[in-house]
């Protein structure tokens, strides 16, 4: 996203990502995340990539997922609400 939408160079995008990771919890993608993403992709008809993001957020116990790509106010499994920060 940073490369296309914000016109970042690759180096700037990696620097930005590093800054975000320093201020958040970063969890590994493991077997349970992949299995959960498959369930999510089938149940909600999401792409594999979007389902992986949703699955990781659910397994991390997140309540809000900021995304302009998913449906604003959609709720996954009664736990995770999508918020489009650009609306």
PDB file of N, CA and C in Angstrom:
ATOM      1  N   UNK A   1       0.817  -1.180   0.000  1.00  0.00           N
ATOM      2  CA  UNK A   1       0.000   0.000   0.000  1.00  0.00           C
ATOM      3  C   UNK A   1       0.864   1.248   0.000  1.00  0.00           C
ATOM      4  N   UNK A   2       1.905   1.275   0.781  1.00  0.00           N
ATOM      5  CA  UNK A   2       2.733   2.477   0.877  1.00  0.00           C
ATOM      6  C   UNK A   2       3.395   2.819  -0.454  1.00  0.00           C
ATOM      7  N   UNK A   3       3.747   1.794  -1.209  1.00  0.00           N
ATOM      8  CA  UNK A   3       4.415   2.044  -2.483  1.00  0.00           C
ATOM      9  C   UNK A   3       3.468   2.673  -3.488  1.00  0.00           C
ATOM     10  N   UNK A   4       2.270   2.126  -3.615  1.00  0.00           N
ATOM     11  CA  UNK A   4       1.318   2.618  -4.620  1.00  0.00           C
ATOM     12  C   UNK A   4       0.580   3.864  -4.164  1.00  0.00           C
ATOM     13  N   UNK A   5      -0.044   3.794  -3.012  1.00  0.00           N
ATOM     14  CA  UNK A   5      -0.930   4.885  -2.586  1.00  0.00           C
ATOM     15  C   UNK A   5      -0.180   6.102  -2.085  1.00  0.00           C
ATOM     16  N   UNK A   6       0.942   5.900  -1.412  1.00  0.00           N
ATOM     17  CA  UNK A   6       1.668   7.024  -0.839  1.00  0.00           C
ATOM     18  C   UNK A   6       2.940   7.376  -1.610  1.00  0.00           C
ATOM     19  N   UNK A   7       3.262   6.557  -2.602  1.00  0.00           N
ATOM     20  CA  UNK A   7       4.432   6.840  -3.421  1.00  0.00           C
ATOM     21  C   UNK A   7       5.752   6.678  -2.684  1.00  0.00           C
ATOM     22  N   UNK A   8       5.766   5.864  -1.621  1.00  0.00           N
ATOM     23  CA  UNK A   8       7.004   5.633  -0.883  1.00  0.00           C
ATOM     24  C   UNK A   8       7.985   4.859  -1.750  1.00  0.00           C
ATOM     25  N   UNK A   9       9.261   5.112  -1.538  1.00  0.00           N
ATOM     26  CA  UNK A   9      10.271   4.222  -2.099  1.00  0.00           C
ATOM     27  C   UNK A   9      10.219   2.932  -1.293  1.00  0.00           C
ATOM     28  N   UNK A  10      10.813   1.899  -1.812  1.00  0.00           N
ATOM     29  CA  UNK A  10      10.842   0.630  -1.080  1.00  0.00           C
ATOM     30  C   UNK A  10      11.543   0.812   0.267  1.00  0.00           C
ATOM     31  N   UNK A  11      12.635   1.570   0.267  1.00  0.00           N
ATOM     32  CA  UNK A  11      13.373   1.811   1.510  1.00  0.00           C
ATOM     33  C   UNK A  11      12.513   2.549   2.528  1.00  0.00           C
ATOM     34  N   UNK A  12      11.776   3.554   2.078  1.00  0.00           N
ATOM     35  CA  UNK A  12      10.905   4.328   2.979  1.00  0.00           C
ATOM     36  C   UNK A  12       9.777   3.440   3.520  1.00  0.00           C
ATOM     37  N   UNK A  13       9.220   2.581   2.670  1.00  0.00           N
ATOM     38  CA  UNK A  13       8.152   1.680   3.107  1.00  0.00           C
ATOM     39  C   UNK A  13       8.653   0.722   4.183  1.00  0.00           C
ATOM     40  N   UNK A  14       9.862   0.185   4.017  1.00  0.00           N
ATOM     41  CA  UNK A  14      10.411  -0.726   5.023  1.00  0.00           C
ATOM     42  C   UNK A  14      10.718   0.007   6.326  1.00  0.00           C
ATOM     43  N   UNK A  15      11.194   1.230   6.228  1.00  0.00           N
ATOM     44  CA  UNK A  15      11.453   2.032   7.419  1.00  0.00           C
ATOM     45  C   UNK A  15      10.152   2.310   8.163  1.00  0.00           C
ATOM     46  N   UNK A  16       9.109   2.653   7.416  1.00  0.00           N
ATOM     47  CA  UNK A  16       7.796   2.886   8.010  1.00  0.00           C
ATOM     48  C   UNK A  16       7.290   1.616   8.702  1.00  0.00           C
ATOM     49  N   UNK A  17       7.379   0.468   8.009  1.00  0.00           N
ATOM     50  CA  UNK A  17       6.927  -0.809   8.575  1.00  0.00           C
ATOM     51  C   UNK A  17       7.715  -1.142   9.840  1.00  0.00           C
ATOM     52  N   UNK A  18       9.006  -0.872   9.842  1.00  0.00           N
ATOM     53  CA  UNK A  18       9.827  -1.129  11.019  1.00  0.00           C
ATOM     54  C   UNK A  18       9.356  -0.282  12.201  1.00  0.00           C
ATOM     55  N   UNK A  19       9.009   0.962  11.935  1.00  0.00           N
ATOM     56  CA  UNK A  19       8.501   1.830  12.993  1.00  0.00           C
ATOM     57  C   UNK A  19       7.187   1.332  13.565  1.00  0.00           C
ATOM     58  N   UNK A  20       6.305   0.858  12.687  1.00  0.00           N
ATOM     59  CA  UNK A  20       5.027   0.313  13.146  1.00  0.00           C
ATOM     60  C   UNK A  20       5.276  -0.925  14.001  1.00  0.00           C
ATOM     61  N   UNK A  21       6.161  -1.800  13.555  1.00  0.00           N
ATOM     62  CA  UNK A  21       6.424  -3.036  14.295  1.00  0.00           C
ATOM     63  C   UNK A  21       7.036  -2.767  15.666  1.00  0.00           C
ATOM     64  N   UNK A  22       7.772  -1.694  15.796  1.00  0.00           N
ATOM     65  CA  UNK A  22       8.381  -1.352  17.091  1.00  0.00           C
ATOM     66  C   UNK A  22       7.326  -0.923  18.119  1.00  0.00           C
ATOM     67  N   UNK A  23       6.168  -0.504  17.645  1.00  0.00           N
ATOM     68  CA  UNK A  23       5.130  -0.001  18.547  1.00  0.00           C
ATOM     69  C   UNK A  23       3.906  -0.922  18.648  1.00  0.00           C
ATOM     70  N   UNK A  24       4.010  -2.116  18.101  1.00  0.00           N
ATOM     71  CA  UNK A  24       2.891  -3.057  18.140  1.00  0.00           C
ATOM     72  C   UNK A  24       3.399  -4.458  18.465  1.00  0.00           C
ATOM     73  N   UNK A  25       2.474  -5.329  18.772  1.00  0.00           N
ATOM     74  CA  UNK A  25       2.819  -6.736  18.936  1.00  0.00           C
ATOM     75  C   UNK A  25       2.747  -7.397  17.574  1.00  0.00           C
ATOM     76  N   UNK A  26       3.816  -8.043  17.170  1.00  0.00           N
ATOM     77  CA  UNK A  26       3.853  -8.761  15.895  1.00  0.00           C
ATOM     78  C   UNK A  26       3.890 -10.249  16.211  1.00  0.00           C
ATOM     79  N   UNK A  27       2.882 -10.959  15.719  1.00  0.00           N
ATOM     80  CA  UNK A  27       2.776 -12.385  15.987  1.00  0.00           C
ATOM     81  C   UNK A  27       3.104 -13.178  14.737  1.00  0.00           C
ATOM     82  N   UNK A  28       3.688 -14.371  14.897  1.00  0.00           N
ATOM     83  CA  UNK A  28       4.027 -15.177  13.728  1.00  0.00           C
ATOM     84  C   UNK A  28       2.776 -15.802  13.097  1.00  0.00           C
ATOM     85  N   UNK A  29       2.871 -16.031  11.808  1.00  0.00           N
ATOM     86  CA  UNK A  29       1.820 -16.794  11.120  1.00  0.00           C
ATOM     87  C   UNK A  29       2.190 -18.265  11.281  1.00  0.00           C
ATOM     88  N   UNK A  30       1.319 -18.996  11.957  1.00  0.00           N
ATOM     89  CA  UNK A  30       1.595 -20.405  12.192  1.00  0.00           C
ATOM     90  C   UNK A  30       0.455 -21.253  11.649  1.00  0.00           C
ATOM     91  N   UNK A  31       0.498 -22.528  11.946  1.00  0.00           N
ATOM     92  CA  UNK A  31      -0.499 -23.465  11.426  1.00  0.00           C
ATOM     93  C   UNK A  31      -1.920 -23.074  11.835  1.00  0.00           C
ATOM     94  N   UNK A  32      -2.099 -22.641  13.066  1.00  0.00           N
ATOM     95  CA  UNK A  32      -3.450 -22.278  13.510  1.00  0.00           C
ATOM     96  C   UNK A  32      -3.967 -21.042  12.771  1.00  0.00           C
ATOM     97  N   UNK A  33      -3.076 -20.118  12.456  1.00  0.00           N
ATOM     98  CA  UNK A  33      -3.479 -18.925  11.704  1.00  0.00           C
ATOM     99  C   UNK A  33      -3.909 -19.308  10.290  1.00  0.00           C
ATOM    100  N   UNK A  34      -3.168 -20.193   9.683  1.00  0.00           N
ATOM    101  CA  UNK A  34      -3.494 -20.616   8.320  1.00  0.00           C
ATOM    102  C   UNK A  34      -4.809 -21.394   8.295  1.00  0.00           C
ATOM    103  N   UNK A  35      -5.010 -22.274   9.250  1.00  0.00           N
ATOM    104  CA  UNK A  35      -6.281 -23.022   9.321  1.00  0.00           C
ATOM    105  C   UNK A  35      -7.456 -22.074   9.563  1.00  0.00           C
ATOM    106  N   UNK A  36      -7.276 -21.101  10.445  1.00  0.00           N
ATOM    107  CA  UNK A  36      -8.334 -20.133  10.722  1.00  0.00           C
ATOM    108  C   UNK A  36      -8.618 -19.290   9.476  1.00  0.00           C
ATOM    109  N   UNK A  37      -7.588 -18.932   8.747  1.00  0.00           N
ATOM    110  CA  UNK A  37      -7.792 -18.116   7.538  1.00  0.00           C
ATOM    111  C   UNK A  37      -8.562 -18.885   6.478  1.00  0.00           C
ATOM    112  N   UNK A  38      -8.350 -20.186   6.400  1.00  0.00           N
ATOM    113  CA  UNK A  38      -9.108 -20.999   5.446  1.00  0.00           C
ATOM    114  C   UNK A  38     -10.591 -21.002   5.828  1.00  0.00           C
ATOM    115  N   UNK A  39     -10.883 -21.143   7.111  1.00  0.00           N
ATOM    116  CA  UNK A  39     -12.283 -21.090   7.584  1.00  0.00           C
ATOM    117  C   UNK A  39     -12.912 -19.733   7.263  1.00  0.00           C
ATOM    118  N   UNK A  40     -12.167 -18.677   7.534  1.00  0.00           N
ATOM    119  CA  UNK A  40     -12.663 -17.313   7.299  1.00  0.00           C
ATOM    120  C   UNK A  40     -12.898 -17.074   5.809  1.00  0.00           C
ATOM    121  N   UNK A  41     -11.962 -17.509   4.971  1.00  0.00           N
ATOM    122  CA  UNK A  41     -12.085 -17.302   3.519  1.00  0.00           C
ATOM    123  C   UNK A  41     -13.337 -17.976   2.983  1.00  0.00           C
ATOM    124  N   UNK A  42     -13.597 -19.188   3.446  1.00  0.00           N
ATOM    125  CA  UNK A  42     -14.775 -19.930   2.985  1.00  0.00           C
ATOM    126  C   UNK A  42     -16.065 -19.304   3.538  1.00  0.00           C
ATOM    127  N   UNK A  43     -16.080 -19.043   4.825  1.00  0.00           N
ATOM    128  CA  UNK A  43     -17.307 -18.530   5.470  1.00  0.00           C
ATOM    129  C   UNK A  43     -17.712 -17.154   4.964  1.00  0.00           C
ATOM    130  N   UNK A  44     -16.729 -16.263   4.771  1.00  0.00           N
ATOM    131  CA  UNK A  44     -17.042 -14.882   4.413  1.00  0.00           C
ATOM    132  C   UNK A  44     -16.717 -14.538   2.953  1.00  0.00           C
ATOM    133  N   UNK A  45     -16.287 -15.531   2.192  1.00  0.00           N
ATOM    134  CA  UNK A  45     -15.955 -15.332   0.776  1.00  0.00           C
ATOM    135  C   UNK A  45     -14.892 -14.243   0.585  1.00  0.00           C
ATOM    136  N   UNK A  46     -13.818 -14.339   1.363  1.00  0.00           N
ATOM    137  CA  UNK A  46     -12.718 -13.385   1.274  1.00  0.00           C
ATOM    138  C   UNK A  46     -11.565 -13.977   0.483  1.00  0.00           C
ATOM    139  N   UNK A  47     -10.720 -13.109  -0.030  1.00  0.00           N
ATOM    140  CA  UNK A  47      -9.492 -13.582  -0.668  1.00  0.00           C
ATOM    141  C   UNK A  47      -8.614 -14.224   0.406  1.00  0.00           C
ATOM    142  N   UNK A  48      -7.669 -15.033  -0.021  1.00  0.00           N
ATOM    143  CA  UNK A  48      -6.768 -15.680   0.939  1.00  0.00           C
ATOM    144  C   UNK A  48      -6.013 -14.654   1.770  1.00  0.00           C
ATOM    145  N   UNK A  49      -5.545 -13.592   1.117  1.00  0.00           N
ATOM    146  CA  UNK A  49      -4.769 -12.562   1.823  1.00  0.00           C
ATOM    147  C   UNK A  49      -5.632 -11.861   2.868  1.00  0.00           C
ATOM    148  N   UNK A  50      -6.834 -11.420   2.493  1.00  0.00           N
ATOM    149  CA  UNK A  50      -7.723 -10.743   3.434  1.00  0.00           C
ATOM    150  C   UNK A  50      -8.110 -11.673   4.583  1.00  0.00           C
ATOM    151  N   UNK A  51      -8.370 -12.931   4.264  1.00  0.00           N
ATOM    152  CA  UNK A  51      -8.730 -13.905   5.297  1.00  0.00           C
ATOM    153  C   UNK A  51      -7.581 -14.125   6.277  1.00  0.00           C
ATOM    154  N   UNK A  52      -6.359 -14.100   5.785  1.00  0.00           N
ATOM    155  CA  UNK A  52      -5.197 -14.261   6.667  1.00  0.00           C
ATOM    156  C   UNK A  52      -5.083 -13.080   7.628  1.00  0.00           C
ATOM    157  N   UNK A  53      -5.336 -11.888   7.138  1.00  0.00           N
ATOM    158  CA  UNK A  53      -5.306 -10.694   7.990  1.00  0.00           C
ATOM    159  C   UNK A  53      -6.398 -10.777   9.057  1.00  0.00           C
ATOM    160  N   UNK A  54      -7.598 -11.133   8.646  1.00  0.00           N
ATOM    161  CA  UNK A  54      -8.713 -11.248   9.587  1.00  0.00           C
ATOM    162  C   UNK A  54      -8.435 -12.348  10.611  1.00  0.00           C
ATOM    163  N   UNK A  55      -7.957 -13.479  10.154  1.00  0.00           N
ATOM    164  CA  UNK A  55      -7.661 -14.595  11.068  1.00  0.00           C
ATOM    165  C   UNK A  55      -6.606 -14.199  12.096  1.00  0.00           C
ATOM    166  N   UNK A  56      -5.562 -13.544  11.656  1.00  0.00           N
ATOM    167  CA  UNK A  56      -4.504 -13.122  12.575  1.00  0.00           C
ATOM    168  C   UNK A  56      -5.051 -12.144  13.610  1.00  0.00           C
ATOM    169  N   UNK A  57      -5.898 -11.226  13.171  1.00  0.00           N
ATOM    170  CA  UNK A  57      -6.494 -10.264  14.101  1.00  0.00           C
ATOM    171  C   UNK A  57      -7.400 -10.964  15.111  1.00  0.00           C
ATOM    172  N   UNK A  58      -8.197 -11.908  14.635  1.00  0.00           N
ATOM    173  CA  UNK A  58      -9.073 -12.654  15.539  1.00  0.00           C
ATOM    174  C   UNK A  58      -8.276 -13.437  16.569  1.00  0.00           C
ATOM    175  N   UNK A  59      -7.261 -14.143  16.122  1.00  0.00           N
ATOM    176  CA  UNK A  59      -6.458 -14.958  17.035  1.00  0.00           C
ATOM    177  C   UNK A  59      -5.659 -14.106  18.020  1.00  0.00           C
ATOM    178  N   UNK A  60      -5.374 -12.859  17.629  1.00  0.00           N
ATOM    179  CA  UNK A  60      -4.649 -11.958  18.532  1.00  0.00           C
ATOM    180  C   UNK A  60      -5.584 -11.266  19.516  1.00  0.00           C
ATOM    181  N   UNK A  61      -6.906 -11.501  19.346  1.00  0.00           N
ATOM    182  CA  UNK A  61      -7.865 -10.903  20.260  1.00  0.00           C
ATOM    183  C   UNK A  61      -8.218  -9.460  19.947  1.00  0.00           C
ATOM    184  N   UNK A  62      -7.948  -9.033  18.729  1.00  0.00           N
ATOM    185  CA  UNK A  62      -8.258  -7.658  18.336  1.00  0.00           C
ATOM    186  C   UNK A  62      -9.768  -7.450  18.255  1.00  0.00           C
ATOM    187  N   UNK A  63     -10.180  -6.238  18.504  1.00  0.00           N
ATOM    188  CA  UNK A  63     -11.587  -5.874  18.383  1.00  0.00           C
ATOM    189  C   UNK A  63     -11.847  -4.998  17.161  1.00  0.00           C
ATOM    190  N   UNK A  64     -10.821  -4.291  16.692  1.00  0.00           N
ATOM    191  CA  UNK A  64     -10.954  -3.397  15.544  1.00  0.00           C
ATOM    192  C   UNK A  64      -9.876  -3.708  14.519  1.00  0.00           C
ATOM    193  N   UNK A  65     -10.288  -3.760  13.261  1.00  0.00           N
ATOM    194  CA  UNK A  65      -9.351  -3.935  12.146  1.00  0.00           C
ATOM    195  C   UNK A  65      -9.540  -2.751  11.210  1.00  0.00           C
ATOM    196  N   UNK A  66      -8.512  -1.940  11.061  1.00  0.00           N
ATOM    197  CA  UNK A  66      -8.582  -0.787  10.168  1.00  0.00           C
ATOM    198  C   UNK A  66      -8.198  -1.223   8.767  1.00  0.00           C
ATOM    199  N   UNK A  67      -9.135  -1.039   7.830  1.00  0.00           N
ATOM    200  CA  UNK A  67      -8.902  -1.453   6.449  1.00  0.00           C
ATOM    201  C   UNK A  67      -9.815  -0.683   5.514  1.00  0.00           C
ATOM    202  N   UNK A  68      -9.267  -0.255   4.399  1.00  0.00           N
ATOM    203  CA  UNK A  68     -10.116   0.357   3.374  1.00  0.00           C
ATOM    204  C   UNK A  68     -10.568  -0.685   2.360  1.00  0.00           C
ATOM    205  N   UNK A  69     -10.027  -1.893   2.449  1.00  0.00           N
ATOM    206  CA  UNK A  69     -10.335  -2.937   1.480  1.00  0.00           C
ATOM    207  C   UNK A  69     -11.514  -3.818   1.887  1.00  0.00           C
ATOM    208  N   UNK A  70     -11.759  -3.929   3.177  1.00  0.00           N
ATOM    209  CA  UNK A  70     -12.873  -4.741   3.655  1.00  0.00           C
ATOM    210  C   UNK A  70     -14.088  -3.850   3.892  1.00  0.00           C
ATOM    211  N   UNK A  71     -15.232  -4.460   4.069  1.00  0.00           N
ATOM    212  CA  UNK A  71     -16.484  -3.720   4.230  1.00  0.00           C
ATOM    213  C   UNK A  71     -16.524  -3.012   5.576  1.00  0.00           C
ATOM    214  N   UNK A  72     -16.727  -1.688   5.541  1.00  0.00           N
ATOM    215  CA  UNK A  72     -16.808  -0.878   6.754  1.00  0.00           C
ATOM    216  C   UNK A  72     -17.935  -1.389   7.656  1.00  0.00           C
ATOM    217  N   UNK A  73     -17.633  -1.533   8.926  1.00  0.00           N
ATOM    218  CA  UNK A  73     -18.562  -2.004   9.965  1.00  0.00           C
ATOM    219  C   UNK A  73     -18.883  -3.494   9.892  1.00  0.00           C
ATOM    220  N   UNK A  74     -18.230  -4.242   9.009  1.00  0.00           N
ATOM    221  CA  UNK A  74     -18.446  -5.683   8.997  1.00  0.00           C
ATOM    222  C   UNK A  74     -17.873  -6.254  10.293  1.00  0.00           C
ATOM    223  N   UNK A  75     -18.595  -7.208  10.875  1.00  0.00           N
ATOM    224  CA  UNK A  75     -18.151  -7.839  12.118  1.00  0.00           C
ATOM    225  C   UNK A  75     -17.861  -9.299  11.837  1.00  0.00           C
ATOM    226  N   UNK A  76     -16.688  -9.736  12.234  1.00  0.00           N
ATOM    227  CA  UNK A  76     -16.284 -11.125  12.070  1.00  0.00           C
ATOM    228  C   UNK A  76     -16.381 -11.834  13.410  1.00  0.00           C
ATOM    229  N   UNK A  77     -17.121 -12.924  13.421  1.00  0.00           N
ATOM    230  CA  UNK A  77     -17.268 -13.803  14.581  1.00  0.00           C
ATOM    231  C   UNK A  77     -17.678 -13.055  15.841  1.00  0.00           C
ATOM    232  N   UNK A  78     -18.459 -12.015  15.699  1.00  0.00           N
ATOM    233  CA  UNK A  78     -18.946 -11.264  16.848  1.00  0.00           C
ATOM    234  C   UNK A  78     -17.866 -10.571  17.652  1.00  0.00           C
ATOM    235  N   UNK A  79     -16.676 -10.487  17.106  1.00  0.00           N
ATOM    236  CA  UNK A  79     -15.522  -9.979  17.863  1.00  0.00           C
ATOM    237  C   UNK A  79     -14.812  -8.834  17.173  1.00  0.00           C
ATOM    238  N   UNK A  80     -14.595  -8.959  15.880  1.00  0.00           N
ATOM    239  CA  UNK A  80     -13.713  -8.057  15.154  1.00  0.00           C
ATOM    240  C   UNK A  80     -14.516  -7.183  14.199  1.00  0.00           C
ATOM    241  N   UNK A  81     -14.461  -5.869  14.398  1.00  0.00           N
ATOM    242  CA  UNK A  81     -15.188  -4.932  13.560  1.00  0.00           C
ATOM    243  C   UNK A  81     -14.232  -4.215  12.625  1.00  0.00           C
ATOM    244  N   UNK A  82     -14.578  -4.163  11.348  1.00  0.00           N
ATOM    245  CA  UNK A  82     -13.763  -3.472  10.354  1.00  0.00           C
ATOM    246  C   UNK A  82     -14.135  -1.994  10.358  1.00  0.00           C
ATOM    247  N   UNK A  83     -13.125  -1.153  10.383  1.00  0.00           N
ATOM    248  CA  UNK A  83     -13.312   0.285  10.314  1.00  0.00           C
ATOM    249  C   UNK A  83     -12.472   0.808   9.160  1.00  0.00           C
ATOM    250  N   UNK A  84     -13.137   1.522   8.232  1.00  0.00           N
ATOM    251  CA  UNK A  84     -12.417   2.175   7.148  1.00  0.00           C
ATOM    252  C   UNK A  84     -11.997   3.547   7.662  1.00  0.00           C
ATOM    253  N   UNK A  85     -10.692   3.762   7.868  1.00  0.00           N
ATOM    254  CA  UNK A  85     -10.248   5.029   8.458  1.00  0.00           C
ATOM    255  C   UNK A  85     -10.382   6.219   7.508  1.00  0.00           C
ATOM    256  N   UNK A  86     -10.716   5.955   6.265  1.00  0.00           N
ATOM    257  CA  UNK A  86     -10.814   7.033   5.274  1.00  0.00           C
ATOM    258  C   UNK A  86     -12.234   7.516   5.054  1.00  0.00           C
ATOM    259  N   UNK A  87     -13.194   6.946   5.769  1.00  0.00           N
ATOM    260  CA  UNK A  87     -14.584   7.402   5.640  1.00  0.00           C
ATOM    261  C   UNK A  87     -14.857   8.569   6.563  1.00  0.00           C
TER     262      UNK A  87
END
